[in-house]
Amino acid sequence: MALEPSLPAAAQSQQQTHGTVSGRIVDQTGHGVAGADLTLMRDQESVIQEVQSDDDGQFTFAHVPPGPLQLRIVAEGFAAQMVSGTLLFSENYVFPQITLFLATQTTEIYVSPSREEIAQ
């Protein structure tokens, strides 16, 4: 009788409590946004993982600890976006489809009066 290899207790515990987080990033027309940078965080400063969306805008984070999550999405030409969710123990959490909007560009021009005196 052959014994199957088993994982160390810590790895088994991690597999039982950690889950996955996935979703899809699209533009306003519904097309997937490829190459978006996604950062999964516990709060504004505690980064859990970073990935990029695939050619269809899909992304997946594996082995994510349970708890509240924030997902920051940055893609060239689009306004950055932040969405939140909560991952339960051993859950496979799927964010609802996330639509990115085109970035608006604002140009500001400052004009100040000249200090030159005009001769009369």
PDB file of N, CA and C in Angstrom:
ATOM      1  N   MET A   1       0.835  -1.158   0.000  1.00  0.00           N
ATOM      2  CA  MET A   1       0.000   0.000   0.000  1.00  0.00           C
ATOM      3  C   MET A   1       0.896   1.243   0.000  1.00  0.00           C
ATOM      4  N   ALA A   2       0.736   2.104  -1.004  1.00  0.00           N
ATOM      5  CA  ALA A   2       1.551   3.311  -1.132  1.00  0.00           C
ATOM      6  C   ALA A   2       0.885   4.458  -0.384  1.00  0.00           C
ATOM      7  N   LEU A   3       1.701   5.216   0.285  1.00  0.00           N
ATOM      8  CA  LEU A   3       1.190   6.384   0.986  1.00  0.00           C
ATOM      9  C   LEU A   3       1.248   7.595   0.066  1.00  0.00           C
ATOM     10  N   GLU A   4       0.197   8.403   0.083  1.00  0.00           N
ATOM     11  CA  GLU A   4       0.210   9.632  -0.713  1.00  0.00           C
ATOM     12  C   GLU A   4       0.963  10.695   0.057  1.00  0.00           C
ATOM     13  N   PRO A   5       1.748  11.507  -0.669  1.00  0.00           N
ATOM     14  CA  PRO A   5       2.461  12.574   0.029  1.00  0.00           C
ATOM     15  C   PRO A   5       1.453  13.566   0.608  1.00  0.00           C
ATOM     16  N   SER A   6       1.763  14.049   1.773  1.00  0.00           N
ATOM     17  CA  SER A   6       0.861  15.027   2.391  1.00  0.00           C
ATOM     18  C   SER A   6       1.589  16.347   2.565  1.00  0.00           C
ATOM     19  N   LEU A   7       0.807  17.399   2.609  1.00  0.00           N
ATOM     20  CA  LEU A   7       1.365  18.722   2.809  1.00  0.00           C
ATOM     21  C   LEU A   7       1.645  18.933   4.288  1.00  0.00           C
ATOM     22  N   PRO A   8       2.624  19.765   4.614  1.00  0.00           N
ATOM     23  CA  PRO A   8       2.846  20.102   6.017  1.00  0.00           C
ATOM     24  C   PRO A   8       1.580  20.744   6.588  1.00  0.00           C
ATOM     25  N   ALA A   9       1.393  20.635   7.891  1.00  0.00           N
ATOM     26  CA  ALA A   9       0.182  21.146   8.548  1.00  0.00           C
ATOM     27  C   ALA A   9      -0.035  22.622   8.245  1.00  0.00           C
ATOM     28  N   ALA A  10       1.021  23.423   8.222  1.00  0.00           N
ATOM     29  CA  ALA A  10       0.872  24.861   7.959  1.00  0.00           C
ATOM     30  C   ALA A  10       0.331  25.098   6.554  1.00  0.00           C
ATOM     31  N   ALA A  11       0.824  24.336   5.571  1.00  0.00           N
ATOM     32  CA  ALA A  11       0.351  24.488   4.190  1.00  0.00           C
ATOM     33  C   ALA A  11      -1.098  24.039   4.076  1.00  0.00           C
ATOM     34  N   GLN A  12      -1.465  22.941   4.767  1.00  0.00           N
ATOM     35  CA  GLN A  12      -2.853  22.479   4.731  1.00  0.00           C
ATOM     36  C   GLN A  12      -3.766  23.535   5.342  1.00  0.00           C
ATOM     37  N   SER A  13      -3.341  24.133   6.441  1.00  0.00           N
ATOM     38  CA  SER A  13      -4.130  25.167   7.110  1.00  0.00           C
ATOM     39  C   SER A  13      -4.302  26.368   6.195  1.00  0.00           C
ATOM     40  N   GLN A  14      -3.222  26.768   5.499  1.00  0.00           N
ATOM     41  CA  GLN A  14      -3.287  27.910   4.588  1.00  0.00           C
ATOM     42  C   GLN A  14      -4.243  27.618   3.442  1.00  0.00           C
ATOM     43  N   GLN A  15      -4.197  26.406   2.887  1.00  0.00           N
ATOM     44  CA  GLN A  15      -5.090  26.049   1.785  1.00  0.00           C
ATOM     45  C   GLN A  15      -6.544  26.087   2.233  1.00  0.00           C
ATOM     46  N   GLN A  16      -6.802  25.710   3.475  1.00  0.00           N
ATOM     47  CA  GLN A  16      -8.170  25.657   3.966  1.00  0.00           C
ATOM     48  C   GLN A  16      -8.733  27.037   4.267  1.00  0.00           C
ATOM     49  N   THR A  17      -7.895  28.009   4.627  1.00  0.00           N
ATOM     50  CA  THR A  17      -8.399  29.319   5.003  1.00  0.00           C
ATOM     51  C   THR A  17      -8.257  30.356   3.904  1.00  0.00           C
ATOM     52  N   HIS A  18      -7.262  30.224   3.055  1.00  0.00           N
ATOM     53  CA  HIS A  18      -7.028  31.198   1.996  1.00  0.00           C
ATOM     54  C   HIS A  18      -7.938  30.900   0.805  1.00  0.00           C
ATOM     55  N   GLY A  19      -8.195  31.936   0.024  1.00  0.00           N
ATOM     56  CA  GLY A  19      -9.054  31.765  -1.141  1.00  0.00           C
ATOM     57  C   GLY A  19      -8.478  32.457  -2.354  1.00  0.00           C
ATOM     58  N   THR A  20      -9.306  32.623  -3.374  1.00  0.00           N
ATOM     59  CA  THR A  20      -8.891  33.325  -4.580  1.00  0.00           C
ATOM     60  C   THR A  20      -9.792  34.527  -4.801  1.00  0.00           C
ATOM     61  N   VAL A  21      -9.244  35.499  -5.492  1.00  0.00           N
ATOM     62  CA  VAL A  21      -9.981  36.705  -5.866  1.00  0.00           C
ATOM     63  C   VAL A  21      -9.778  36.874  -7.364  1.00  0.00           C
ATOM     64  N   SER A  22     -10.880  37.056  -8.096  1.00  0.00           N
ATOM     65  CA  SER A  22     -10.767  37.195  -9.539  1.00  0.00           C
ATOM     66  C   SER A  22     -11.806  38.186 -10.057  1.00  0.00           C
ATOM     67  N   GLY A  23     -11.728  38.451 -11.345  1.00  0.00           N
ATOM     68  CA  GLY A  23     -12.680  39.366 -11.972  1.00  0.00           C
ATOM     69  C   GLY A  23     -12.254  39.715 -13.377  1.00  0.00           C
ATOM     70  N   ARG A  24     -12.931  40.723 -13.926  1.00  0.00           N
ATOM     71  CA  ARG A  24     -12.638  41.155 -15.296  1.00  0.00           C
ATOM     72  C   ARG A  24     -12.719  42.668 -15.369  1.00  0.00           C
ATOM     73  N   ILE A  25     -11.750  43.258 -16.056  1.00  0.00           N
ATOM     74  CA  ILE A  25     -11.675  44.702 -16.267  1.00  0.00           C
ATOM     75  C   ILE A  25     -12.075  44.975 -17.715  1.00  0.00           C
ATOM     76  N   VAL A  26     -13.036  45.886 -17.925  1.00  0.00           N
ATOM     77  CA  VAL A  26     -13.487  46.221 -19.275  1.00  0.00           C
ATOM     78  C   VAL A  26     -13.485  47.732 -19.467  1.00  0.00           C
ATOM     79  N   ASP A  27     -13.519  48.140 -20.749  1.00  0.00           N
ATOM     80  CA  ASP A  27     -13.676  49.555 -21.053  1.00  0.00           C
ATOM     81  C   ASP A  27     -15.172  49.863 -21.198  1.00  0.00           C
ATOM     82  N   GLN A  28     -15.514  51.089 -21.562  1.00  0.00           N
ATOM     83  CA  GLN A  28     -16.913  51.501 -21.634  1.00  0.00           C
ATOM     84  C   GLN A  28     -17.700  50.771 -22.714  1.00  0.00           C
ATOM     85  N   THR A  29     -17.007  50.155 -23.664  1.00  0.00           N
ATOM     86  CA  THR A  29     -17.696  49.414 -24.725  1.00  0.00           C
ATOM     87  C   THR A  29     -17.846  47.938 -24.368  1.00  0.00           C
ATOM     88  N   GLY A  30     -17.284  47.521 -23.212  1.00  0.00           N
ATOM     89  CA  GLY A  30     -17.391  46.133 -22.788  1.00  0.00           C
ATOM     90  C   GLY A  30     -16.241  45.251 -23.211  1.00  0.00           C
ATOM     91  N   HIS A  31     -15.237  45.821 -23.886  1.00  0.00           N
ATOM     92  CA  HIS A  31     -14.058  45.050 -24.290  1.00  0.00           C
ATOM     93  C   HIS A  31     -13.079  44.945 -23.123  1.00  0.00           C
ATOM     94  N   GLY A  32     -12.444  43.780 -22.989  1.00  0.00           N
ATOM     95  CA  GLY A  32     -11.473  43.561 -21.924  1.00  0.00           C
ATOM     96  C   GLY A  32     -10.291  44.501 -22.043  1.00  0.00           C
ATOM     97  N   VAL A  33      -9.806  44.981 -20.900  1.00  0.00           N
ATOM     98  CA  VAL A  33      -8.640  45.860 -20.872  1.00  0.00           C
ATOM     99  C   VAL A  33      -7.418  45.006 -20.526  1.00  0.00           C
ATOM    100  N   ALA A  34      -6.550  44.807 -21.507  1.00  0.00           N
ATOM    101  CA  ALA A  34      -5.340  44.001 -21.320  1.00  0.00           C
ATOM    102  C   ALA A  34      -4.254  44.825 -20.639  1.00  0.00           C
ATOM    103  N   GLY A  35      -3.473  44.175 -19.785  1.00  0.00           N
ATOM    104  CA  GLY A  35      -2.305  44.813 -19.187  1.00  0.00           C
ATOM    105  C   GLY A  35      -2.599  45.823 -18.092  1.00  0.00           C
ATOM    106  N   ALA A  36      -3.809  45.811 -17.542  1.00  0.00           N
ATOM    107  CA  ALA A  36      -4.096  46.706 -16.417  1.00  0.00           C
ATOM    108  C   ALA A  36      -3.310  46.223 -15.203  1.00  0.00           C
ATOM    109  N   ASP A  37      -2.754  47.141 -14.449  1.00  0.00           N
ATOM    110  CA  ASP A  37      -2.024  46.803 -13.221  1.00  0.00           C
ATOM    111  C   ASP A  37      -3.020  46.761 -12.069  1.00  0.00           C
ATOM    112  N   LEU A  38      -3.102  45.605 -11.409  1.00  0.00           N
ATOM    113  CA  LEU A  38      -4.036  45.427 -10.300  1.00  0.00           C
ATOM    114  C   LEU A  38      -3.257  45.172  -9.025  1.00  0.00           C
ATOM    115  N   THR A  39      -3.593  45.910  -7.985  1.00  0.00           N
ATOM    116  CA  THR A  39      -2.943  45.758  -6.690  1.00  0.00           C
ATOM    117  C   THR A  39      -4.008  45.417  -5.664  1.00  0.00           C
ATOM    118  N   LEU A  40      -3.867  44.258  -5.036  1.00  0.00           N
ATOM    119  CA  LEU A  40      -4.795  43.819  -4.001  1.00  0.00           C
ATOM    120  C   LEU A  40      -4.196  44.202  -2.655  1.00  0.00           C
ATOM    121  N   MET A  41      -4.980  44.947  -1.854  1.00  0.00           N
ATOM    122  CA  MET A  41      -4.466  45.480  -0.593  1.00  0.00           C
ATOM    123  C   MET A  41      -5.409  45.168   0.564  1.00  0.00           C
ATOM    124  N   ARG A  42      -4.849  45.121   1.745  1.00  0.00           N
ATOM    125  CA  ARG A  42      -5.649  44.973   2.958  1.00  0.00           C
ATOM    126  C   ARG A  42      -6.170  46.349   3.360  1.00  0.00           C
ATOM    127  N   ASP A  43      -5.357  47.374   3.177  1.00  0.00           N
ATOM    128  CA  ASP A  43      -5.740  48.763   3.398  1.00  0.00           C
ATOM    129  C   ASP A  43      -4.898  49.586   2.426  1.00  0.00           C
ATOM    130  N   GLN A  44      -4.915  50.888   2.551  1.00  0.00           N
ATOM    131  CA  GLN A  44      -4.210  51.749   1.595  1.00  0.00           C
ATOM    132  C   GLN A  44      -2.701  51.492   1.536  1.00  0.00           C
ATOM    133  N   GLU A  45      -2.128  50.901   2.568  1.00  0.00           N
ATOM    134  CA  GLU A  45      -0.674  50.747   2.621  1.00  0.00           C
ATOM    135  C   GLU A  45      -0.186  49.305   2.639  1.00  0.00           C
ATOM    136  N   SER A  46      -1.063  48.343   2.854  1.00  0.00           N
ATOM    137  CA  SER A  46      -0.658  46.949   3.022  1.00  0.00           C
ATOM    138  C   SER A  46      -0.966  46.132   1.766  1.00  0.00           C
ATOM    139  N   VAL A  47       0.022  46.017   0.873  1.00  0.00           N
ATOM    140  CA  VAL A  47      -0.148  45.299  -0.386  1.00  0.00           C
ATOM    141  C   VAL A  47      -0.083  43.792  -0.133  1.00  0.00           C
ATOM    142  N   ILE A  48      -1.080  43.062  -0.670  1.00  0.00           N
ATOM    143  CA  ILE A  48      -1.105  41.608  -0.562  1.00  0.00           C
ATOM    144  C   ILE A  48      -0.439  40.992  -1.786  1.00  0.00           C
ATOM    145  N   GLN A  49      -0.919  41.384  -2.985  1.00  0.00           N
ATOM    146  CA  GLN A  49      -0.367  40.861  -4.241  1.00  0.00           C
ATOM    147  C   GLN A  49      -0.584  41.875  -5.356  1.00  0.00           C
ATOM    148  N   GLU A  50       0.179  41.702  -6.444  1.00  0.00           N
ATOM    149  CA  GLU A  50       0.016  42.516  -7.645  1.00  0.00           C
ATOM    150  C   GLU A  50       0.002  41.586  -8.857  1.00  0.00           C
ATOM    151  N   VAL A  51      -0.905  41.855  -9.803  1.00  0.00           N
ATOM    152  CA  VAL A  51      -0.967  41.092 -11.057  1.00  0.00           C
ATOM    153  C   VAL A  51      -1.342  42.043 -12.187  1.00  0.00           C
ATOM    154  N   GLN A  52      -1.310  41.525 -13.416  1.00  0.00           N
ATOM    155  CA  GLN A  52      -1.792  42.266 -14.584  1.00  0.00           C
ATOM    156  C   GLN A  52      -2.933  41.486 -15.206  1.00  0.00           C
ATOM    157  N   SER A  53      -3.879  42.229 -15.792  1.00  0.00           N
ATOM    158  CA  SER A  53      -4.989  41.565 -16.475  1.00  0.00           C
ATOM    159  C   SER A  53      -4.483  40.933 -17.774  1.00  0.00           C
ATOM    160  N   ASP A  54      -5.146  39.836 -18.186  1.00  0.00           N
ATOM    161  CA  ASP A  54      -4.743  39.158 -19.419  1.00  0.00           C
ATOM    162  C   ASP A  54      -5.354  39.862 -20.640  1.00  0.00           C
ATOM    163  N   ASP A  55      -5.221  39.253 -21.812  1.00  0.00           N
ATOM    164  CA  ASP A  55      -5.695  39.867 -23.060  1.00  0.00           C
ATOM    165  C   ASP A  55      -7.190  40.133 -23.074  1.00  0.00           C
ATOM    166  N   ASP A  56      -7.958  39.419 -22.254  1.00  0.00           N
ATOM    167  CA  ASP A  56      -9.411  39.605 -22.197  1.00  0.00           C
ATOM    168  C   ASP A  56      -9.832  40.412 -20.968  1.00  0.00           C
ATOM    169  N   GLY A  57      -8.856  40.947 -20.211  1.00  0.00           N
ATOM    170  CA  GLY A  57      -9.170  41.742 -19.035  1.00  0.00           C
ATOM    171  C   GLY A  57      -9.371  40.927 -17.766  1.00  0.00           C
ATOM    172  N   GLN A  58      -9.162  39.595 -17.844  1.00  0.00           N
ATOM    173  CA  GLN A  58      -9.342  38.728 -16.679  1.00  0.00           C
ATOM    174  C   GLN A  58      -8.138  38.826 -15.744  1.00  0.00           C
ATOM    175  N   PHE A  59      -8.394  38.652 -14.445  1.00  0.00           N
ATOM    176  CA  PHE A  59      -7.311  38.611 -13.467  1.00  0.00           C
ATOM    177  C   PHE A  59      -7.667  37.641 -12.348  1.00  0.00           C
ATOM    178  N   THR A  60      -6.631  37.101 -11.700  1.00  0.00           N
ATOM    179  CA  THR A  60      -6.828  36.197 -10.567  1.00  0.00           C
ATOM    180  C   THR A  60      -5.692  36.376  -9.567  1.00  0.00           C
ATOM    181  N   PHE A  61      -6.058  36.463  -8.305  1.00  0.00           N
ATOM    182  CA  PHE A  61      -5.105  36.454  -7.201  1.00  0.00           C
ATOM    183  C   PHE A  61      -5.316  35.131  -6.466  1.00  0.00           C
ATOM    184  N   ALA A  62      -4.256  34.368  -6.237  1.00  0.00           N
ATOM    185  CA  ALA A  62      -4.367  33.085  -5.543  1.00  0.00           C
ATOM    186  C   ALA A  62      -3.814  33.207  -4.123  1.00  0.00           C
ATOM    187  N   HIS A  63      -4.233  32.291  -3.252  1.00  0.00           N
ATOM    188  CA  HIS A  63      -3.737  32.202  -1.875  1.00  0.00           C
ATOM    189  C   HIS A  63      -3.893  33.526  -1.115  1.00  0.00           C
ATOM    190  N   VAL A  64      -5.090  34.087  -1.178  1.00  0.00           N
ATOM    191  CA  VAL A  64      -5.365  35.367  -0.526  1.00  0.00           C
ATOM    192  C   VAL A  64      -5.943  35.101   0.870  1.00  0.00           C
ATOM    193  N   PRO A  65      -5.389  35.735   1.899  1.00  0.00           N
ATOM    194  CA  PRO A  65      -5.940  35.555   3.240  1.00  0.00           C
ATOM    195  C   PRO A  65      -7.319  36.206   3.352  1.00  0.00           C
ATOM    196  N   PRO A  66      -8.214  35.639   4.154  1.00  0.00           N
ATOM    197  CA  PRO A  66      -9.557  36.192   4.281  1.00  0.00           C
ATOM    198  C   PRO A  66      -9.552  37.559   4.970  1.00  0.00           C
ATOM    199  N   GLY A  67     -10.597  38.339   4.684  1.00  0.00           N
ATOM    200  CA  GLY A  67     -10.755  39.644   5.320  1.00  0.00           C
ATOM    201  C   GLY A  67     -11.149  40.691   4.302  1.00  0.00           C
ATOM    202  N   PRO A  68     -11.262  41.947   4.745  1.00  0.00           N
ATOM    203  CA  PRO A  68     -11.619  43.037   3.837  1.00  0.00           C
ATOM    204  C   PRO A  68     -10.492  43.290   2.835  1.00  0.00           C
ATOM    205  N   LEU A  69     -10.872  43.627   1.603  1.00  0.00           N
ATOM    206  CA  LEU A  69      -9.901  43.839   0.528  1.00  0.00           C
ATOM    207  C   LEU A  69     -10.186  45.138  -0.202  1.00  0.00           C
ATOM    208  N   GLN A  70      -9.136  45.718  -0.747  1.00  0.00           N
ATOM    209  CA  GLN A  70      -9.265  46.846  -1.661  1.00  0.00           C
ATOM    210  C   GLN A  70      -8.475  46.496  -2.906  1.00  0.00           C
ATOM    211  N   LEU A  71      -9.068  46.767  -4.056  1.00  0.00           N
ATOM    212  CA  LEU A  71      -8.418  46.476  -5.329  1.00  0.00           C
ATOM    213  C   LEU A  71      -8.208  47.794  -6.059  1.00  0.00           C
ATOM    214  N   ARG A  72      -6.937  48.107  -6.355  1.00  0.00           N
ATOM    215  CA  ARG A  72      -6.612  49.321  -7.114  1.00  0.00           C
ATOM    216  C   ARG A  72      -6.300  48.913  -8.540  1.00  0.00           C
ATOM    217  N   ILE A  73      -6.941  49.589  -9.503  1.00  0.00           N
ATOM    218  CA  ILE A  73      -6.756  49.283 -10.916  1.00  0.00           C
ATOM    219  C   ILE A  73      -6.175  50.511 -11.609  1.00  0.00           C
ATOM    220  N   VAL A  74      -5.056  50.310 -12.298  1.00  0.00           N
ATOM    221  CA  VAL A  74      -4.415  51.388 -13.046  1.00  0.00           C
ATOM    222  C   VAL A  74      -4.131  50.853 -14.443  1.00  0.00           C
ATOM    223  N   ALA A  75      -4.628  51.568 -15.467  1.00  0.00           N
ATOM    224  CA  ALA A  75      -4.378  51.176 -16.857  1.00  0.00           C
ATOM    225  C   ALA A  75      -4.140  52.434 -17.676  1.00  0.00           C
ATOM    226  N   GLU A  76      -3.189  52.352 -18.582  1.00  0.00           N
ATOM    227  CA  GLU A  76      -2.834  53.502 -19.410  1.00  0.00           C
ATOM    228  C   GLU A  76      -4.042  54.012 -20.184  1.00  0.00           C
ATOM    229  N   GLY A  77      -4.268  55.318 -20.108  1.00  0.00           N
ATOM    230  CA  GLY A  77      -5.360  55.949 -20.835  1.00  0.00           C
ATOM    231  C   GLY A  77      -6.683  55.958 -20.074  1.00  0.00           C
ATOM    232  N   PHE A  78      -6.717  55.296 -18.904  1.00  0.00           N
ATOM    233  CA  PHE A  78      -7.946  55.215 -18.115  1.00  0.00           C
ATOM    234  C   PHE A  78      -7.737  55.853 -16.744  1.00  0.00           C
ATOM    235  N   ALA A  79      -8.827  56.332 -16.156  1.00  0.00           N
ATOM    236  CA  ALA A  79      -8.771  56.865 -14.795  1.00  0.00           C
ATOM    237  C   ALA A  79      -8.566  55.703 -13.829  1.00  0.00           C
ATOM    238  N   ALA A  80      -7.689  55.884 -12.858  1.00  0.00           N
ATOM    239  CA  ALA A  80      -7.453  54.856 -11.839  1.00  0.00           C
ATOM    240  C   ALA A  80      -8.737  54.650 -11.052  1.00  0.00           C
ATOM    241  N   GLN A  81      -8.901  53.437 -10.543  1.00  0.00           N
ATOM    242  CA  GLN A  81     -10.120  53.114  -9.816  1.00  0.00           C
ATOM    243  C   GLN A  81      -9.801  52.230  -8.618  1.00  0.00           C
ATOM    244  N   MET A  82     -10.616  52.338  -7.583  1.00  0.00           N
ATOM    245  CA  MET A  82     -10.456  51.524  -6.377  1.00  0.00           C
ATOM    246  C   MET A  82     -11.813  50.906  -6.071  1.00  0.00           C
ATOM    247  N   VAL A  83     -11.830  49.575  -5.841  1.00  0.00           N
ATOM    248  CA  VAL A  83     -13.052  48.870  -5.450  1.00  0.00           C
ATOM    249  C   VAL A  83     -12.755  48.035  -4.219  1.00  0.00           C
ATOM    250  N   SER A  84     -13.793  47.755  -3.437  1.00  0.00           N
ATOM    251  CA  SER A  84     -13.625  47.016  -2.188  1.00  0.00           C
ATOM    252  C   SER A  84     -14.461  45.748  -2.181  1.00  0.00           C
ATOM    253  N   GLY A  85     -14.063  44.811  -1.361  1.00  0.00           N
ATOM    254  CA  GLY A  85     -14.805  43.567  -1.179  1.00  0.00           C
ATOM    255  C   GLY A  85     -14.316  42.880   0.079  1.00  0.00           C
ATOM    256  N   THR A  86     -14.917  41.749   0.397  1.00  0.00           N
ATOM    257  CA  THR A  86     -14.509  40.972   1.562  1.00  0.00           C
ATOM    258  C   THR A  86     -14.393  39.510   1.164  1.00  0.00           C
ATOM    259  N   LEU A  87     -13.253  38.926   1.445  1.00  0.00           N
ATOM    260  CA  LEU A  87     -13.015  37.518   1.164  1.00  0.00           C
ATOM    261  C   LEU A  87     -13.263  36.717   2.432  1.00  0.00           C
ATOM    262  N   LEU A  88     -14.165  35.732   2.360  1.00  0.00           N
ATOM    263  CA  LEU A  88     -14.446  34.855   3.491  1.00  0.00           C
ATOM    264  C   LEU A  88     -13.478  33.677   3.471  1.00  0.00           C
ATOM    265  N   PHE A  89     -13.416  32.915   4.559  1.00  0.00           N
ATOM    266  CA  PHE A  89     -12.521  31.766   4.642  1.00  0.00           C
ATOM    267  C   PHE A  89     -12.772  30.806   3.474  1.00  0.00           C
ATOM    268  N   SER A  90     -11.711  30.400   2.803  1.00  0.00           N
ATOM    269  CA  SER A  90     -11.739  29.411   1.709  1.00  0.00           C
ATOM    270  C   SER A  90     -12.667  29.785   0.564  1.00  0.00           C
ATOM    271  N   GLU A  91     -12.967  31.057   0.406  1.00  0.00           N
ATOM    272  CA  GLU A  91     -13.902  31.494  -0.632  1.00  0.00           C
ATOM    273  C   GLU A  91     -13.174  31.781  -1.944  1.00  0.00           C
ATOM    274  N   ASN A  92     -13.890  31.642  -3.030  1.00  0.00           N
ATOM    275  CA  ASN A  92     -13.442  32.099  -4.336  1.00  0.00           C
ATOM    276  C   ASN A  92     -14.282  33.321  -4.660  1.00  0.00           C
ATOM    277  N   TYR A  93     -13.741  34.512  -4.354  1.00  0.00           N
ATOM    278  CA  TYR A  93     -14.484  35.760  -4.501  1.00  0.00           C
ATOM    279  C   TYR A  93     -14.300  36.295  -5.912  1.00  0.00           C
ATOM    280  N   VAL A  94     -15.404  36.627  -6.568  1.00  0.00           N
ATOM    281  CA  VAL A  94     -15.359  37.210  -7.913  1.00  0.00           C
ATOM    282  C   VAL A  94     -15.920  38.624  -7.832  1.00  0.00           C
ATOM    283  N   PHE A  95     -15.054  39.610  -8.145  1.00  0.00           N
ATOM    284  CA  PHE A  95     -15.529  40.986  -8.208  1.00  0.00           C
ATOM    285  C   PHE A  95     -16.514  41.106  -9.364  1.00  0.00           C
ATOM    286  N   PRO A  96     -17.590  41.870  -9.203  1.00  0.00           N
ATOM    287  CA  PRO A  96     -18.453  42.151 -10.354  1.00  0.00           C
ATOM    288  C   PRO A  96     -17.604  42.849 -11.421  1.00  0.00           C
ATOM    289  N   GLN A  97     -17.980  42.711 -12.689  1.00  0.00           N
ATOM    290  CA  GLN A  97     -17.215  43.307 -13.790  1.00  0.00           C
ATOM    291  C   GLN A  97     -16.920  44.779 -13.486  1.00  0.00           C
ATOM    292  N   ILE A  98     -15.670  45.174 -13.680  1.00  0.00           N
ATOM    293  CA  ILE A  98     -15.233  46.530 -13.360  1.00  0.00           C
ATOM    294  C   ILE A  98     -15.006  47.293 -14.665  1.00  0.00           C
ATOM    295  N   THR A  99     -15.739  48.392 -14.830  1.00  0.00           N
ATOM    296  CA  THR A  99     -15.629  49.213 -16.038  1.00  0.00           C
ATOM    297  C   THR A  99     -14.727  50.400 -15.771  1.00  0.00           C
ATOM    298  N   LEU A 100     -13.700  50.549 -16.604  1.00  0.00           N
ATOM    299  CA  LEU A 100     -12.802  51.699 -16.503  1.00  0.00           C
ATOM    300  C   LEU A 100     -13.283  52.784 -17.464  1.00  0.00           C
ATOM    301  N   PHE A 101     -13.085  54.017 -17.042  1.00  0.00           N
ATOM    302  CA  PHE A 101     -13.478  55.154 -17.861  1.00  0.00           C
ATOM    303  C   PHE A 101     -12.234  55.874 -18.346  1.00  0.00           C
ATOM    304  N   LEU A 102     -12.324  56.449 -19.543  1.00  0.00           N
ATOM    305  CA  LEU A 102     -11.186  57.164 -20.110  1.00  0.00           C
ATOM    306  C   LEU A 102     -10.761  58.280 -19.176  1.00  0.00           C
ATOM    307  N   ALA A 103      -9.457  58.466 -19.078  1.00  0.00           N
ATOM    308  CA  ALA A 103      -8.920  59.537 -18.242  1.00  0.00           C
ATOM    309  C   ALA A 103      -9.200  60.869 -18.914  1.00  0.00           C
ATOM    310  N   THR A 104      -9.550  61.831 -18.119  1.00  0.00           N
ATOM    311  CA  THR A 104      -9.729  63.178 -18.654  1.00  0.00           C
ATOM    312  C   THR A 104      -8.439  63.931 -18.432  1.00  0.00           C
ATOM    313  N   GLN A 105      -8.085  64.719 -19.413  1.00  0.00           N
ATOM    314  CA  GLN A 105      -6.845  65.466 -19.315  1.00  0.00           C
ATOM    315  C   GLN A 105      -7.188  66.927 -19.123  1.00  0.00           C
ATOM    316  N   THR A 106      -6.604  67.523 -18.127  1.00  0.00           N
ATOM    317  CA  THR A 106      -6.837  68.923 -17.840  1.00  0.00           C
ATOM    318  C   THR A 106      -5.526  69.661 -17.973  1.00  0.00           C
ATOM    319  N   THR A 107      -5.556  70.736 -18.720  1.00  0.00           N
ATOM    320  CA  THR A 107      -4.380  71.573 -18.871  1.00  0.00           C
ATOM    321  C   THR A 107      -4.674  72.905 -18.213  1.00  0.00           C
ATOM    322  N   GLU A 108      -3.801  73.325 -17.318  1.00  0.00           N
ATOM    323  CA  GLU A 108      -3.974  74.605 -16.652  1.00  0.00           C
ATOM    324  C   GLU A 108      -2.859  75.533 -17.090  1.00  0.00           C
ATOM    325  N   ILE A 109      -3.251  76.760 -17.421  1.00  0.00           N
ATOM    326  CA  ILE A 109      -2.284  77.773 -17.817  1.00  0.00           C
ATOM    327  C   ILE A 109      -2.416  78.931 -16.838  1.00  0.00           C
ATOM    328  N   TYR A 110      -1.328  79.319 -16.242  1.00  0.00           N
ATOM    329  CA  TYR A 110      -1.325  80.430 -15.299  1.00  0.00           C
ATOM    330  C   TYR A 110      -0.699  81.643 -15.972  1.00  0.00           C
ATOM    331  N   VAL A 111      -1.411  82.762 -15.910  1.00  0.00           N
ATOM    332  CA  VAL A 111      -0.918  83.998 -16.499  1.00  0.00           C
ATOM    333  C   VAL A 111      -0.812  85.032 -15.384  1.00  0.00           C
ATOM    334  N   SER A 112       0.337  85.683 -15.335  1.00  0.00           N
ATOM    335  CA  SER A 112       0.488  86.739 -14.341  1.00  0.00           C
ATOM    336  C   SER A 112       0.913  88.018 -15.061  1.00  0.00           C
ATOM    337  N   PRO A 113       0.537  89.144 -14.508  1.00  0.00           N
ATOM    338  CA  PRO A 113       0.880  90.409 -15.169  1.00  0.00           C
ATOM    339  C   PRO A 113       2.391  90.617 -15.159  1.00  0.00           C
ATOM    340  N   SER A 114       2.839  91.273 -16.196  1.00  0.00           N
ATOM    341  CA  SER A 114       4.273  91.571 -16.323  1.00  0.00           C
ATOM    342  C   SER A 114       4.621  92.720 -15.396  1.00  0.00           C
ATOM    343  N   ARG A 115       5.835  92.760 -14.894  1.00  0.00           N
ATOM    344  CA  ARG A 115       6.267  93.820 -13.991  1.00  0.00           C
ATOM    345  C   ARG A 115       6.999  94.933 -14.776  1.00  0.00           C
ATOM    346  N   GLU A 116       7.042  94.787 -16.081  1.00  0.00           N
ATOM    347  CA  GLU A 116       7.713  95.826 -16.870  1.00  0.00           C
ATOM    348  C   GLU A 116       6.868  97.093 -16.875  1.00  0.00           C
ATOM    349  N   GLU A 117       7.553  98.221 -16.728  1.00  0.00           N
ATOM    350  CA  GLU A 117       6.832  99.481 -16.771  1.00  0.00           C
ATOM    351  C   GLU A 117       6.844  99.987 -18.206  1.00  0.00           C
ATOM    352  N   ILE A 118       5.731 100.554 -18.560  1.00  0.00           N
ATOM    353  CA  ILE A 118       5.622 101.061 -19.911  1.00  0.00           C
ATOM    354  C   ILE A 118       5.953 102.546 -19.871  1.00  0.00           C
ATOM    355  N   ALA A 119       6.910 102.952 -20.685  1.00  0.00           N
ATOM    356  CA  ALA A 119       7.327 104.368 -20.745  1.00  0.00           C
ATOM    357  C   ALA A 119       6.276 105.162 -21.486  1.00  0.00           C
ATOM    358  N   GLN A 120       6.025 106.362 -20.980  1.00  0.00           N
ATOM    359  CA  GLN A 120       5.021 107.226 -21.641  1.00  0.00           C
ATOM    360  C   GLN A 120       5.672 108.289 -22.424  1.00  0.00           C
TER     361      GLN A 120
END
